[in-house]
């Protein structure tokens, strides 16, 4: 059991090697977990409200989060847990998921 988010978890995704799981929550954070121990490796805090979704890029060197206020954040990391730097951009328009 993973314990850490202070509210509902909106998404969870495994890394490509299955060693980590990434969660996104209403508490304004994405969290990176070790799947063997269940230990939290890192918390990525957002000042933009709830984190709706979090995902790894295909090479595992970045994490992308989408936030309640319409921003997307790209978190660069050496081994997803150390040296994380955040780059943020606001969407200029919302994409319509029905099209």
Protein backbone atom coordinates (compact mmCIF):
# COMPACT_ATOMS: atom_id res chain seq x y z
CA UNK A 1 0.00 0.00 0.00
CA UNK A 2 1.25 3.45 -0.90
CA UNK A 3 0.63 6.09 1.74
CA UNK A 4 1.38 9.75 1.12
CA UNK A 5 -1.22 11.67 -0.86
CA UNK A 6 -3.51 13.86 1.25
CA UNK A 7 -6.52 13.30 -0.97
CA UNK A 8 -7.75 11.25 -3.92
CA UNK A 9 -5.26 9.85 -6.42
CA UNK A 10 -6.29 10.67 -10.00
CA UNK A 11 -3.78 8.51 -11.91
CA UNK A 12 -1.06 5.91 -11.45
CA UNK A 13 1.40 4.65 -14.06
CA UNK A 14 4.36 2.26 -13.96
CA UNK A 15 7.79 3.10 -15.36
CA UNK A 16 8.84 1.10 -18.42
CA UNK A 17 11.05 -1.19 -16.29
CA UNK A 18 8.34 -1.64 -13.65
CA UNK A 19 10.61 -0.51 -10.80
CA UNK A 20 8.73 2.73 -10.10
CA UNK A 21 5.14 3.90 -10.06
CA UNK A 22 4.11 7.53 -10.54
CA UNK A 23 0.90 8.86 -9.00
CA UNK A 24 -0.96 12.17 -9.40
CA UNK A 25 -3.32 13.56 -6.80
CA UNK A 26 -5.79 16.20 -5.77
CA UNK A 27 -3.34 17.32 -3.06
CA UNK A 28 -1.30 19.15 -5.73
CA UNK A 29 1.47 16.60 -6.00
CA UNK A 30 2.82 13.83 -8.16
CA UNK A 31 4.75 11.17 -6.28
CA UNK A 32 7.33 8.66 -7.39
CA UNK A 33 7.36 5.30 -5.57
CA UNK A 34 9.64 2.27 -5.46
CA UNK A 35 7.50 -0.75 -6.41
CA UNK A 36 9.54 -3.26 -4.40
CA UNK A 37 9.49 -1.45 -1.05
CA UNK A 38 6.51 0.89 -1.49
CA UNK A 39 8.79 3.70 -0.31
CA UNK A 40 8.18 7.19 -1.67
CA UNK A 41 11.24 8.30 -3.66
CA UNK A 42 10.22 11.85 -4.49
CA UNK A 43 7.33 14.29 -4.30
CA UNK A 44 6.82 16.76 -7.15
CA UNK A 45 4.80 19.66 -5.75
CA UNK A 46 2.61 21.82 -7.95
CA UNK A 47 1.48 25.33 -7.08
CA UNK A 48 -1.23 24.96 -9.72
CA UNK A 49 -3.81 22.98 -7.75
CA UNK A 50 -4.68 19.34 -8.30
CA UNK A 51 -2.41 17.26 -10.50
CA UNK A 52 -4.74 15.51 -12.94
CA UNK A 53 -2.29 13.14 -14.60
CA UNK A 54 1.37 12.20 -14.56
CA UNK A 55 3.35 10.16 -17.09
CA UNK A 56 6.89 9.10 -17.88
CA UNK A 57 8.36 9.94 -21.27
CA UNK A 58 9.44 6.86 -23.28
CA UNK A 59 13.11 7.09 -22.28
CA UNK A 60 12.29 7.64 -18.60
CA UNK A 61 14.30 10.86 -18.34
CA UNK A 62 11.34 13.18 -17.86
CA UNK A 63 7.97 13.23 -16.14
CA UNK A 64 5.03 15.25 -17.45
CA UNK A 65 2.19 16.41 -15.22
CA UNK A 66 -1.04 18.20 -16.09
CA UNK A 67 -2.60 20.50 -13.55
CA UNK A 68 -5.97 21.90 -12.56
CA UNK A 69 -5.17 25.38 -13.88
CA UNK A 70 -4.45 24.14 -17.42
CA UNK A 71 -0.67 24.05 -17.14
CA UNK A 72 1.59 21.17 -18.03
CA UNK A 73 4.89 20.68 -16.24
CA UNK A 74 7.90 18.78 -17.55
CA UNK A 75 10.18 17.49 -14.82
CA UNK A 76 13.68 16.55 -16.00
CA UNK A 77 15.61 14.05 -13.91
CA UNK A 78 18.82 12.04 -13.99
CA UNK A 79 17.24 8.86 -12.62
CA UNK A 80 13.69 10.02 -11.86
CA UNK A 81 14.18 10.89 -8.26
CA UNK A 82 17.33 13.00 -8.13
CA UNK A 83 18.10 16.35 -9.69
CA UNK A 84 14.56 17.12 -10.75
CA UNK A 85 14.07 20.50 -12.43
CA UNK A 86 10.67 21.82 -13.40
CA UNK A 87 9.81 23.52 -16.68
CA UNK A 88 6.27 24.89 -16.95
CA UNK A 89 4.08 26.06 -19.79
CA UNK A 90 0.49 27.16 -19.87
CA UNK A 91 -1.76 25.78 -22.56
CA UNK A 92 -2.84 28.52 -24.95
CA UNK A 93 -6.07 26.69 -25.71
CA UNK A 94 -7.79 23.66 -24.37
CA UNK A 95 -7.95 20.57 -26.53
CA UNK A 96 -11.41 19.17 -27.10
CA UNK A 97 -11.29 15.47 -26.24
CA UNK A 98 -14.50 14.78 -28.17
CA UNK A 99 -12.88 15.42 -31.58
